[in-house]
C-alpha atoms as a PDB file:
ATOM      1  CA  UNK A   1      74.370  54.054  11.491  1.00  0.00           C
ATOM      2  CA  UNK A   2      72.369  56.176  13.801  1.00  0.00           C
ATOM      3  CA  UNK A   3      72.294  55.192  17.473  1.00  0.00           C
ATOM      4  CA  UNK A   4      68.969  53.365  18.344  1.00  0.00           C
ATOM      5  CA  UNK A   5      66.965  55.107  20.920  1.00  0.00           C
ATOM      6  CA  UNK A   6      66.835  51.847  23.171  1.00  0.00           C
ATOM      7  CA  UNK A   7      70.540  53.044  24.054  1.00  0.00           C
ATOM      8  CA  UNK A   8      69.383  55.853  25.931  1.00  0.00           C
ATOM      9  CA  UNK A   9      65.661  55.798  26.611  1.00  0.00           C
ATOM     10  CA  UNK A  10      63.608  57.275  28.187  1.00  0.00           C
ATOM     11  CA  UNK A  11      66.065  60.302  27.687  1.00  0.00           C
ATOM     12  CA  UNK A  12      66.343  62.796  24.693  1.00  0.00           C
ATOM     13  CA  UNK A  13      69.902  61.552  23.828  1.00  0.00           C
ATOM     14  CA  UNK A  14      73.001  60.303  25.515  1.00  0.00           C
ATOM     15  CA  UNK A  15      73.991  63.785  26.769  1.00  0.00           C
ATOM     16  CA  UNK A  16      70.629  63.930  28.622  1.00  0.00           C
ATOM     17  CA  UNK A  17      70.899  60.367  29.782  1.00  0.00           C
ATOM     18  CA  UNK A  18      74.263  60.797  31.737  1.00  0.00           C
ATOM     19  CA  UNK A  19      73.217  64.089  33.143  1.00  0.00           C
ATOM     20  CA  UNK A  20      69.906  62.997  34.497  1.00  0.00           C
ATOM     21  CA  UNK A  21      71.073  59.498  35.709  1.00  0.00           C
ATOM     22  CA  UNK A  22      73.989  61.017  37.610  1.00  0.00           C
ATOM     23  CA  UNK A  23      71.901  63.434  39.138  1.00  0.00           C
ATOM     24  CA  UNK A  24      69.320  61.078  40.271  1.00  0.00           C
ATOM     25  CA  UNK A  25      71.978  58.936  42.073  1.00  0.00           C
ATOM     26  CA  UNK A  26      74.387  61.623  43.348  1.00  0.00           C
ATOM     27  CA  UNK A  27      71.981  64.883  43.942  1.00  0.00           C
ATOM     28  CA  UNK A  28      68.734  63.181  44.409  1.00  0.00           C
ATOM     29  CA  UNK A  29      70.506  60.390  46.495  1.00  0.00           C
ATOM     30  CA  UNK A  30      68.435  57.640  45.037  1.00  0.00           C
ATOM     31  CA  UNK A  31      71.092  55.045  45.593  1.00  0.00           C
ATOM     32  CA  UNK A  32      68.865  52.340  44.835  1.00  0.00           C
ATOM     33  CA  UNK A  33      68.688  53.460  41.274  1.00  0.00           C
ATOM     34  CA  UNK A  34      72.109  51.992  40.818  1.00  0.00           C
ATOM     35  CA  UNK A  35      70.300  48.535  40.889  1.00  0.00           C
ATOM     36  CA  UNK A  36      68.154  49.481  37.773  1.00  0.00           C
ATOM     37  CA  UNK A  37      71.065  51.553  36.047  1.00  0.00           C
ATOM     38  CA  UNK A  38      74.105  49.046  36.485  1.00  0.00           C
ATOM     39  CA  UNK A  39      74.364  45.771  35.236  1.00  0.00           C
ATOM     40  CA  UNK A  40      74.736  42.892  37.896  1.00  0.00           C
ATOM     41  CA  UNK A  41      78.247  42.140  36.632  1.00  0.00           C
ATOM     42  CA  UNK A  42      79.307  45.540  35.782  1.00  0.00           C
ATOM     43  CA  UNK A  43      82.910  46.340  36.141  1.00  0.00           C
ATOM     44  CA  UNK A  44      84.518  49.755  37.501  1.00  0.00           C
ATOM     45  CA  UNK A  45      88.075  50.662  37.229  1.00  0.00           C
ATOM     46  CA  UNK A  46      89.375  53.458  39.489  1.00  0.00           C
ATOM     47  CA  UNK A  47      92.434  54.809  41.026  1.00  0.00           C
ATOM     48  CA  UNK A  48      92.413  52.231  43.625  1.00  0.00           C
ATOM     49  CA  UNK A  49      91.713  49.368  41.265  1.00  0.00           C
ATOM     50  CA  UNK A  50      88.775  47.504  39.982  1.00  0.00           C
ATOM     51  CA  UNK A  51      85.503  46.568  41.642  1.00  0.00           C
ATOM     52  CA  UNK A  52      83.511  43.635  40.072  1.00  0.00           C
ATOM     53  CA  UNK A  53      79.696  43.651  40.528  1.00  0.00           C
ATOM     54  CA  UNK A  54      76.997  45.963  41.271  1.00  0.00           C
ATOM     55  CA  UNK A  55      76.872  45.552  45.016  1.00  0.00           C
ATOM     56  CA  UNK A  56      80.507  46.943  45.274  1.00  0.00           C
ATOM     57  CA  UNK A  57      79.377  50.086  43.422  1.00  0.00           C
ATOM     58  CA  UNK A  58      76.367  50.374  45.581  1.00  0.00           C
ATOM     59  CA  UNK A  59      78.725  50.280  48.849  1.00  0.00           C
ATOM     60  CA  UNK A  60      81.180  52.661  47.461  1.00  0.00           C
ATOM     61  CA  UNK A  61      78.598  55.275  46.224  1.00  0.00           C
ATOM     62  CA  UNK A  62      76.734  55.053  49.704  1.00  0.00           C
ATOM     63  CA  UNK A  63      80.102  55.938  51.514  1.00  0.00           C
ATOM     64  CA  UNK A  64      80.877  58.757  49.310  1.00  0.00           C
ATOM     65  CA  UNK A  65      77.535  60.372  49.396  1.00  0.00           C
ATOM     66  CA  UNK A  66      77.520  59.955  53.336  1.00  0.00           C
ATOM     67  CA  UNK A  67      80.794  61.701  53.502  1.00  0.00           C
ATOM     68  CA  UNK A  68      79.324  64.958  51.861  1.00  0.00           C
ATOM     69  CA  UNK A  69      75.756  64.652  52.114  1.00  0.00           C
ATOM     70  CA  UNK A  70      75.267  68.220  50.545  1.00  0.00           C
ATOM     71  CA  UNK A  71      77.361  67.201  47.218  1.00  0.00           C
ATOM     72  CA  UNK A  72      76.194  68.811  44.129  1.00  0.00           C
ATOM     73  CA  UNK A  73      78.107  67.787  41.065  1.00  0.00           C
ATOM     74  CA  UNK A  74      77.400  69.800  37.921  1.00  0.00           C
ATOM     75  CA  UNK A  75      77.988  68.286  34.479  1.00  0.00           C
ATOM     76  CA  UNK A  76      80.918  70.500  32.825  1.00  0.00           C
ATOM     77  CA  UNK A  77      80.948  68.325  29.654  1.00  0.00           C
ATOM     78  CA  UNK A  78      79.602  65.106  28.185  1.00  0.00           C
ATOM     79  CA  UNK A  79      81.661  63.585  25.402  1.00  0.00           C
ATOM     80  CA  UNK A  80      79.794  60.566  24.128  1.00  0.00           C
ATOM     81  CA  UNK A  81      80.239  58.587  21.132  1.00  0.00           C
ATOM     82  CA  UNK A  82      78.310  55.431  19.681  1.00  0.00           C
ATOM     83  CA  UNK A  83      79.585  51.834  20.249  1.00  0.00           C
ATOM     84  CA  UNK A  84      77.472  49.975  17.743  1.00  0.00           C
ATOM     85  CA  UNK A  85      73.771  50.862  17.142  1.00  0.00           C
ATOM     86  CA  UNK A  86      72.493  49.987  20.870  1.00  0.00           C
ATOM     87  CA  UNK A  87      75.343  51.398  22.889  1.00  0.00           C
ATOM     88  CA  UNK A  88      77.537  54.321  23.656  1.00  0.00           C
ATOM     89  CA  UNK A  89      80.815  55.562  25.414  1.00  0.00           C
ATOM     90  CA  UNK A  90      80.464  58.734  27.523  1.00  0.00           C
ATOM     91  CA  UNK A  91      83.280  60.812  29.170  1.00  0.00           C
ATOM     92  CA  UNK A  92      81.196  62.752  31.698  1.00  0.00           C
ATOM     93  CA  UNK A  93      83.321  65.687  33.219  1.00  0.00           C
ATOM     94  CA  UNK A  94      81.900  66.744  36.598  1.00  0.00           C
ATOM     95  CA  UNK A  95      82.595  69.882  38.316  1.00  0.00           C
ATOM     96  CA  UNK A  96      81.800  69.775  42.173  1.00  0.00           C
ATOM     97  CA  UNK A  97      81.611  72.901  44.391  1.00  0.00           C
ATOM     98  CA  UNK A  98      80.937  71.375  47.772  1.00  0.00           C
ATOM     99  CA  UNK A  99      81.059  72.478  51.592  1.00  0.00           C
ATOM    100  CA  UNK A 100      82.869  70.377  54.035  1.00  0.00           C
ATOM    101  CA  UNK A 101      82.291  70.926  57.827  1.00  0.00           C
ATOM    102  CA  UNK A 102      85.555  70.818  59.415  1.00  0.00           C
ATOM    103  CA  UNK A 103      85.760  71.502  63.320  1.00  0.00           C
ATOM    104  CA  UNK A 104      82.410  73.127  63.089  1.00  0.00           C
ATOM    105  CA  UNK A 105      83.778  75.516  60.129  1.00  0.00           C
ATOM    106  CA  UNK A 106      82.434  75.316  56.567  1.00  0.00           C
ATOM    107  CA  UNK A 107      85.363  74.475  54.268  1.00  0.00           C
ATOM    108  CA  UNK A 108      84.584  74.869  50.492  1.00  0.00           C
ATOM    109  CA  UNK A 109      85.935  72.302  48.295  1.00  0.00           C
ATOM    110  CA  UNK A 110      86.259  72.590  44.357  1.00  0.00           C
ATOM    111  CA  UNK A 111      87.296  69.489  42.417  1.00  0.00           C
ATOM    112  CA  UNK A 112      86.740  67.565  38.974  1.00  0.00           C
ATOM    113  CA  UNK A 113      85.657  64.009  38.428  1.00  0.00           C
ATOM    114  CA  UNK A 114      85.579  62.298  34.903  1.00  0.00           C
ATOM    115  CA  UNK A 115      83.720  59.159  34.658  1.00  0.00           C
ATOM    116  CA  UNK A 116      83.982  57.198  31.360  1.00  0.00           C
ATOM    117  CA  UNK A 117      80.956  54.687  31.074  1.00  0.00           C
ATOM    118  CA  UNK A 118      80.153  52.092  28.629  1.00  0.00           C
ATOM    119  CA  UNK A 119      76.212  51.914  28.477  1.00  0.00           C
ATOM    120  CA  UNK A 120      74.543  49.089  26.473  1.00  0.00           C
ATOM    121  CA  UNK A 121      70.846  49.162  25.904  1.00  0.00           C
ATOM    122  CA  UNK A 122      70.570  51.683  28.893  1.00  0.00           C
ATOM    123  CA  UNK A 123      72.612  49.515  31.370  1.00  0.00           C
ATOM    124  CA  UNK A 124      76.066  50.421  32.562  1.00  0.00           C
ATOM    125  CA  UNK A 125      78.548  47.768  31.579  1.00  0.00           C
ATOM    126  CA  UNK A 126      82.011  49.011  32.261  1.00  0.00           C
ATOM    127  CA  UNK A 127      83.279  52.208  33.785  1.00  0.00           C
ATOM    128  CA  UNK A 128      86.660  53.977  34.181  1.00  0.00           C
ATOM    129  CA  UNK A 129      86.463  56.757  36.695  1.00  0.00           C
ATOM    130  CA  UNK A 130      89.015  59.210  38.055  1.00  0.00           C
ATOM    131  CA  UNK A 131      88.750  61.633  41.013  1.00  0.00           C
ATOM    132  CA  UNK A 132      90.748  64.793  42.036  1.00  0.00           C
ATOM    133  CA  UNK A 133      91.032  63.696  45.445  1.00  0.00           C
ATOM    134  CA  UNK A 134      94.117  65.733  45.875  1.00  0.00           C
ATOM    135  CA  UNK A 135      92.072  69.006  45.771  1.00  0.00           C
ATOM    136  CA  UNK A 136      89.875  67.558  48.727  1.00  0.00           C
ATOM    137  CA  UNK A 137      93.245  67.278  50.749  1.00  0.00           C
ATOM    138  CA  UNK A 138      94.643  70.645  49.773  1.00  0.00           C
ATOM    139  CA  UNK A 139      91.608  72.446  50.432  1.00  0.00           C
ATOM    140  CA  UNK A 140      90.859  70.699  53.636  1.00  0.00           C
ATOM    141  CA  UNK A 141      94.408  71.117  55.008  1.00  0.00           C
ATOM    142  CA  UNK A 142      95.074  67.446  55.089  1.00  0.00           C
ATOM    143  CA  UNK A 143      98.283  65.762  54.630  1.00  0.00           C
ATOM    144  CA  UNK A 144      97.989  63.564  51.286  1.00  0.00           C
ATOM    145  CA  UNK A 145     100.576  61.166  52.605  1.00  0.00           C
ATOM    146  CA  UNK A 146      98.404  60.622  55.617  1.00  0.00           C
ATOM    147  CA  UNK A 147      95.203  60.218  53.790  1.00  0.00           C
ATOM    148  CA  UNK A 148      96.735  57.690  51.291  1.00  0.00           C
ATOM    149  CA  UNK A 149      98.051  55.565  54.195  1.00  0.00           C
ATOM    150  CA  UNK A 150      94.318  54.807  55.282  1.00  0.00           C
ATOM    151  CA  UNK A 151      93.735  53.626  51.673  1.00  0.00           C
ATOM    152  CA  UNK A 152      94.098  50.133  50.089  1.00  0.00           C
ATOM    153  CA  UNK A 153      95.164  49.622  46.614  1.00  0.00           C
ATOM    154  CA  UNK A 154      93.293  46.430  45.441  1.00  0.00           C
ATOM    155  CA  UNK A 155      94.723  46.134  42.043  1.00  0.00           C
ATOM    156  CA  UNK A 156      93.241  45.771  38.507  1.00  0.00           C
ATOM    157  CA  UNK A 157      91.109  43.306  36.823  1.00  0.00           C
ATOM    158  CA  UNK A 158      89.678  42.516  33.443  1.00  0.00           C
ATOM    159  CA  UNK A 159      90.342  44.886  30.477  1.00  0.00           C
ATOM    160  CA  UNK A 160      92.907  46.904  32.625  1.00  0.00           C
ATOM    161  CA  UNK A 161      95.237  43.769  32.680  1.00  0.00           C
ATOM    162  CA  UNK A 162      95.300  43.215  28.898  1.00  0.00           C
ATOM    163  CA  UNK A 163      97.808  44.717  26.417  1.00  0.00           C
ATOM    164  CA  UNK A 164      96.852  48.269  25.291  1.00  0.00           C
ATOM    165  CA  UNK A 165      94.640  48.138  22.026  1.00  0.00           C
ATOM    166  CA  UNK A 166      96.745  47.877  18.725  1.00  0.00           C
ATOM    167  CA  UNK A 167      94.778  50.602  16.929  1.00  0.00           C
ATOM    168  CA  UNK A 168      92.795  52.681  19.275  1.00  0.00           C
ATOM    169  CA  UNK A 169      91.019  54.600  16.507  1.00  0.00           C
ATOM    170  CA  UNK A 170      89.575  51.287  15.375  1.00  0.00           C
ATOM    171  CA  UNK A 171      88.915  49.771  18.713  1.00  0.00           C
ATOM    172  CA  UNK A 172      89.662  50.891  22.336  1.00  0.00           C
ATOM    173  CA  UNK A 173      88.707  48.988  25.655  1.00  0.00           C
ATOM    174  CA  UNK A 174      85.135  49.895  25.228  1.00  0.00           C
ATOM    175  CA  UNK A 175      85.103  47.963  21.698  1.00  0.00           C
ATOM    176  CA  UNK A 176      84.732  49.212  18.017  1.00  0.00           C
ATOM    177  CA  UNK A 177      84.281  52.831  17.560  1.00  0.00           C
ATOM    178  CA  UNK A 178      83.089  54.817  14.467  1.00  0.00           C
ATOM    179  CA  UNK A 179      85.772  56.480  12.518  1.00  0.00           C
ATOM    180  CA  UNK A 180      85.046  60.108  13.320  1.00  0.00           C
ATOM    181  CA  UNK A 181      87.148  63.265  13.206  1.00  0.00           C
ATOM    182  CA  UNK A 182      89.949  60.972  12.242  1.00  0.00           C
ATOM    183  CA  UNK A 183      92.582  63.882  11.486  1.00  0.00           C
ATOM    184  CA  UNK A 184      91.906  65.537  14.886  1.00  0.00           C
ATOM    185  CA  UNK A 185      92.250  62.222  16.505  1.00  0.00           C
ATOM    186  CA  UNK A 186      95.575  61.400  14.938  1.00  0.00           C
ATOM    187  CA  UNK A 187      96.657  64.904  15.890  1.00  0.00           C
ATOM    188  CA  UNK A 188      96.016  64.394  19.704  1.00  0.00           C
ATOM    189  CA  UNK A 189      97.748  60.746  19.653  1.00  0.00           C
ATOM    190  CA  UNK A 190     100.783  62.321  17.900  1.00  0.00           C
ATOM    191  CA  UNK A 191     101.091  64.984  20.497  1.00  0.00           C
ATOM    192  CA  UNK A 192     100.804  62.346  23.350  1.00  0.00           C
ATOM    193  CA  UNK A 193     103.559  60.240  21.725  1.00  0.00           C
ATOM    194  CA  UNK A 194     105.704  63.119  20.809  1.00  0.00           C
ATOM    195  CA  UNK A 195     105.423  65.293  23.856  1.00  0.00           C
ATOM    196  CA  UNK A 196     104.342  63.008  26.757  1.00  0.00           C
ATOM    197  CA  UNK A 197     106.227  59.880  25.781  1.00  0.00           C
ATOM    198  CA  UNK A 198     109.184  60.959  23.730  1.00  0.00           C
ATOM    199  CA  UNK A 199     109.652  64.042  26.077  1.00  0.00           C
ATOM    200  CA  UNK A 200     109.915  66.431  23.176  1.00  0.00           C
ATOM    201  CA  UNK A 201     108.555  69.172  25.412  1.00  0.00           C
ATOM    202  CA  UNK A 202     109.597  71.902  22.910  1.00  0.00           C
ATOM    203  CA  UNK A 203     107.132  70.751  20.597  1.00  0.00           C
ATOM    204  CA  UNK A 204     104.055  71.752  22.817  1.00  0.00           C
ATOM    205  CA  UNK A 205     103.892  74.685  20.397  1.00  0.00           C
ATOM    206  CA  UNK A 206     103.425  72.671  17.448  1.00  0.00           C
ATOM    207  CA  UNK A 207     100.166  71.397  18.938  1.00  0.00           C
ATOM    208  CA  UNK A 208      98.880  74.112  21.090  1.00  0.00           C
ATOM    209  CA  UNK A 209      98.568  77.931  20.851  1.00  0.00           C
ATOM    210  CA  UNK A 210     100.211  80.297  23.218  1.00  0.00           C
ATOM    211  CA  UNK A 211      97.074  81.028  25.204  1.00  0.00           C
ATOM    212  CA  UNK A 212      96.298  77.341  26.139  1.00  0.00           C
ATOM    213  CA  UNK A 213      94.643  76.068  29.165  1.00  0.00           C
ATOM    214  CA  UNK A 214      95.296  73.094  31.268  1.00  0.00           C
ATOM    215  CA  UNK A 215      93.073  72.383  34.255  1.00  0.00           C
ATOM    216  CA  UNK A 216      94.376  69.585  36.231  1.00  0.00           C
ATOM    217  CA  UNK A 217      94.484  67.954  39.719  1.00  0.00           C
ATOM    218  CA  UNK A 218      94.580  69.943  42.881  1.00  0.00           C
ATOM    219  CA  UNK A 219      92.056  72.242  41.413  1.00  0.00           C
ATOM    220  CA  UNK A 220      94.936  73.982  39.430  1.00  0.00           C
ATOM    221  CA  UNK A 221      94.903  75.927  36.102  1.00  0.00           C
ATOM    222  CA  UNK A 222      98.040  75.992  34.192  1.00  0.00           C
ATOM    223  CA  UNK A 223      98.634  78.622  31.363  1.00  0.00           C
ATOM    224  CA  UNK A 224     100.713  78.897  28.526  1.00  0.00           C
ATOM    225  CA  UNK A 225     103.385  76.423  27.037  1.00  0.00           C
ATOM    226  CA  UNK A 226     106.039  76.954  29.527  1.00  0.00           C
ATOM    227  CA  UNK A 227     103.494  76.000  32.309  1.00  0.00           C
ATOM    228  CA  UNK A 228     102.428  73.014  30.390  1.00  0.00           C
ATOM    229  CA  UNK A 229     106.090  71.712  29.925  1.00  0.00           C
ATOM    230  CA  UNK A 230     106.793  72.167  33.924  1.00  0.00           C
ATOM    231  CA  UNK A 231     103.487  70.494  34.913  1.00  0.00           C
ATOM    232  CA  UNK A 232     104.390  67.423  32.703  1.00  0.00           C
ATOM    233  CA  UNK A 233     107.801  67.325  34.015  1.00  0.00           C
ATOM    234  CA  UNK A 234     106.456  67.286  37.536  1.00  0.00           C
ATOM    235  CA  UNK A 235     103.998  64.351  36.685  1.00  0.00           C
ATOM    236  CA  UNK A 236     106.728  62.211  35.341  1.00  0.00           C
ATOM    237  CA  UNK A 237     109.618  63.136  37.471  1.00  0.00           C
ATOM    238  CA  UNK A 238     109.144  60.216  40.120  1.00  0.00           C
ATOM    239  CA  UNK A 239     108.739  57.785  37.190  1.00  0.00           C
ATOM    240  CA  UNK A 240     111.599  58.658  34.651  1.00  0.00           C
ATOM    241  CA  UNK A 241     110.741  55.635  32.444  1.00  0.00           C
ATOM    242  CA  UNK A 242     107.148  56.627  32.475  1.00  0.00           C
ATOM    243  CA  UNK A 243     105.057  55.922  29.128  1.00  0.00           C
ATOM    244  CA  UNK A 244     101.428  56.732  28.622  1.00  0.00           C
ATOM    245  CA  UNK A 245      99.321  54.033  26.819  1.00  0.00           C
ATOM    246  CA  UNK A 246      95.954  54.991  25.358  1.00  0.00           C
ATOM    247  CA  UNK A 247      93.335  52.551  26.153  1.00  0.00           C
ATOM    248  CA  UNK A 248      90.405  54.508  24.441  1.00  0.00           C
ATOM    249  CA  UNK A 249      89.485  57.513  22.675  1.00  0.00           C
ATOM    250  CA  UNK A 250      86.040  59.261  21.777  1.00  0.00           C
ATOM    251  CA  UNK A 251      85.077  62.398  19.843  1.00  0.00           C
ATOM    252  CA  UNK A 252      81.927  64.547  20.133  1.00  0.00           C
ATOM    253  CA  UNK A 253      81.170  67.862  18.532  1.00  0.00           C
ATOM    254  CA  UNK A 254      78.624  70.269  20.127  1.00  0.00           C
ATOM    255  CA  UNK A 255      78.368  74.072  20.128  1.00  0.00           C
ATOM    256  CA  UNK A 256      77.281  74.115  23.606  1.00  0.00           C
ATOM    257  CA  UNK A 257      80.594  72.683  24.590  1.00  0.00           C
ATOM    258  CA  UNK A 258      82.606  74.967  22.388  1.00  0.00           C
ATOM    259  CA  UNK A 259      82.925  72.453  19.347  1.00  0.00           C
ATOM    260  CA  UNK A 260      84.996  69.515  19.077  1.00  0.00           C
ATOM    261  CA  UNK A 261      86.236  67.564  22.200  1.00  0.00           C
ATOM    262  CA  UNK A 262      88.245  64.475  22.216  1.00  0.00           C
ATOM    263  CA  UNK A 263      88.381  62.236  25.404  1.00  0.00           C
ATOM    264  CA  UNK A 264      91.515  59.896  25.906  1.00  0.00           C
ATOM    265  CA  UNK A 265      91.537  57.060  28.557  1.00  0.00           C
ATOM    266  CA  UNK A 266      95.267  56.627  29.435  1.00  0.00           C
ATOM    267  CA  UNK A 267      97.230  54.603  31.736  1.00  0.00           C
ATOM    268  CA  UNK A 268     100.780  55.905  32.731  1.00  0.00           C
ATOM    269  CA  UNK A 269     103.192  53.025  33.232  1.00  0.00           C
ATOM    270  CA  UNK A 270     106.272  53.554  35.155  1.00  0.00           C
ATOM    271  CA  UNK A 271     108.662  52.622  38.059  1.00  0.00           C
ATOM    272  CA  UNK A 272     108.809  54.791  41.120  1.00  0.00           C
ATOM    273  CA  UNK A 273     112.629  55.175  40.926  1.00  0.00           C
ATOM    274  CA  UNK A 274     112.957  58.854  40.143  1.00  0.00           C
ATOM    275  CA  UNK A 275     112.315  62.164  42.276  1.00  0.00           C
ATOM    276  CA  UNK A 276     111.073  60.742  45.731  1.00  0.00           C
ATOM    277  CA  UNK A 277     108.015  62.824  45.888  1.00  0.00           C
ATOM    278  CA  UNK A 278     105.730  60.137  47.375  1.00  0.00           C
ATOM    279  CA  UNK A 279     108.051  58.809  49.920  1.00  0.00           C
ATOM    280  CA  UNK A 280     110.968  56.350  49.780  1.00  0.00           C
ATOM    281  CA  UNK A 281     111.576  55.062  46.325  1.00  0.00           C
ATOM    282  CA  UNK A 282     110.529  51.407  45.787  1.00  0.00           C
ATOM    283  CA  UNK A 283     111.587  50.933  42.155  1.00  0.00           C
ATOM    284  CA  UNK A 284     108.242  49.056  41.698  1.00  0.00           C
ATOM    285  CA  UNK A 285     105.991  49.612  38.792  1.00  0.00           C
ATOM    286  CA  UNK A 286     102.741  51.762  39.001  1.00  0.00           C
ATOM    287  CA  UNK A 287      99.556  51.870  36.684  1.00  0.00           C
ATOM    288  CA  UNK A 288      98.192  55.479  36.819  1.00  0.00           C
ATOM    289  CA  UNK A 289      94.737  55.612  35.153  1.00  0.00           C
ATOM    290  CA  UNK A 290      93.717  59.014  33.870  1.00  0.00           C
ATOM    291  CA  UNK A 291      91.495  60.785  31.373  1.00  0.00           C
ATOM    292  CA  UNK A 292      92.323  63.909  29.365  1.00  0.00           C
ATOM    293  CA  UNK A 293      89.541  65.778  27.523  1.00  0.00           C
ATOM    294  CA  UNK A 294      90.998  67.698  24.774  1.00  0.00           C
ATOM    295  CA  UNK A 295      89.412  70.766  23.037  1.00  0.00           C
ATOM    296  CA  UNK A 296      90.276  71.185  19.547  1.00  0.00           C
ATOM    297  CA  UNK A 297      89.580  74.407  17.520  1.00  0.00           C
ATOM    298  CA  UNK A 298      91.122  75.448  14.413  1.00  0.00           C
ATOM    299  CA  UNK A 299      93.139  72.111  14.224  1.00  0.00           C
ATOM    300  CA  UNK A 300      94.993  72.870  17.434  1.00  0.00           C
ATOM    301  CA  UNK A 301      94.369  71.836  20.971  1.00  0.00           C
ATOM    302  CA  UNK A 302      93.257  74.932  22.898  1.00  0.00           C
ATOM    303  CA  UNK A 303      92.435  73.286  26.059  1.00  0.00           C
ATOM    304  CA  UNK A 304      93.198  69.955  28.292  1.00  0.00           C
ATOM    305  CA  UNK A 305      91.211  68.918  31.252  1.00  0.00           C
ATOM    306  CA  UNK A 306      93.327  66.193  33.014  1.00  0.00           C
ATOM    307  CA  UNK A 307      92.186  64.192  35.759  1.00  0.00           C
ATOM    308  CA  UNK A 308      93.808  61.510  37.854  1.00  0.00           C
ATOM    309  CA  UNK A 309      93.940  60.410  41.436  1.00  0.00           C
ATOM    310  CA  UNK A 310      97.195  61.288  43.139  1.00  0.00           C
ATOM    311  CA  UNK A 311      96.074  60.021  46.381  1.00  0.00           C
ATOM    312  CA  UNK A 312      95.286  56.544  45.060  1.00  0.00           C
ATOM    313  CA  UNK A 313      98.581  56.769  43.448  1.00  0.00           C
ATOM    314  CA  UNK A 314     100.410  57.069  46.588  1.00  0.00           C
ATOM    315  CA  UNK A 315      98.209  54.183  48.036  1.00  0.00           C
ATOM    316  CA  UNK A 316      99.514  51.963  45.340  1.00  0.00           C
ATOM    317  CA  UNK A 317     103.187  52.979  45.987  1.00  0.00           C
ATOM    318  CA  UNK A 318     102.678  52.254  49.575  1.00  0.00           C
ATOM    319  CA  UNK A 319     101.449  48.762  48.658  1.00  0.00           C
ATOM    320  CA  UNK A 320     105.134  48.005  47.797  1.00  0.00           C
ATOM    321  CA  UNK A 321     108.063  47.465  50.128  1.00  0.00           C
ATOM    322  CA  UNK A 322     110.358  50.298  50.176  1.00  0.00           C
ATOM    323  CA  UNK A 323     113.643  48.598  49.395  1.00  0.00           C
ATOM    324  CA  UNK A 324     115.196  50.365  46.528  1.00  0.00           C
ATOM    325  CA  UNK A 325     118.308  52.392  46.061  1.00  0.00           C
ATOM    326  CA  UNK A 326     119.915  53.768  42.979  1.00  0.00           C
ATOM    327  CA  UNK A 327     122.645  56.225  42.718  1.00  0.00           C
ATOM    328  CA  UNK A 328     122.769  56.606  39.016  1.00  0.00           C
ATOM    329  CA  UNK A 329     119.445  57.995  38.416  1.00  0.00           C
ATOM    330  CA  UNK A 330     120.578  61.628  37.268  1.00  0.00           C
END
């Protein structure tokens, strides 16, 4: 069933809709446009938890824009997929090249953000947003641990507290989805289960070519299977029981973006009882929300862009008392 234009009016298509709406709020700084664009009871899930209601979105956006008034975010990709005939789910990859002023000296900052937004009849209903705030810290010379101590993890509400969808190819957190590009989606889900969850890291080469690219947090680019394996090990080492739940998936084929991209919303669930990378071990559970956009070419994953908020993860860990000891980890 074709998507009714009511889903993205007055723009050409959902891609154009997302680009123009984001630009109006974040580049033209029309913060009041959030009133027209977001539903009053809209829900936004981020690294620090869930915000319910449009007023919270307005306040948060105002503070972020004020911190970097010269901010310009460039749409790097828009992976959108229909949700019924009057709605769509977009995975908007934004690349930012900002300049902060630190002690009177310009400091360039490069980072990526991914916002997964569910729009129904032109109104934002629910959003899952992840930002590479680690890149800010590293490029500004700030201590990530110190920055995290100034943040409060508020916890999750709504869909993020419910069990993961039973069959994400049929319906994810955003609702029923079309059965598009099923073989490629099944391949990506198998990759996540085999490599990420089962830790069969040697199988990276079963799904990815030698010349793979992983763009990830801290504004880092990782090359080749060996680099990919090491990066994944570093991510899960503090959480040795970590599992990645897939909460949503969407696909989009467009030549302007090099072909078929598959966006996956995931939550890493584990306990902080492994490598003490983020301070004293707590043994407490964490829920790390993230989004990966996979480029599939010739039946293989040739690129992944993975974004999550490591600073917010530190804040979540800080919200637990440090009273854990375990001498049988290794």
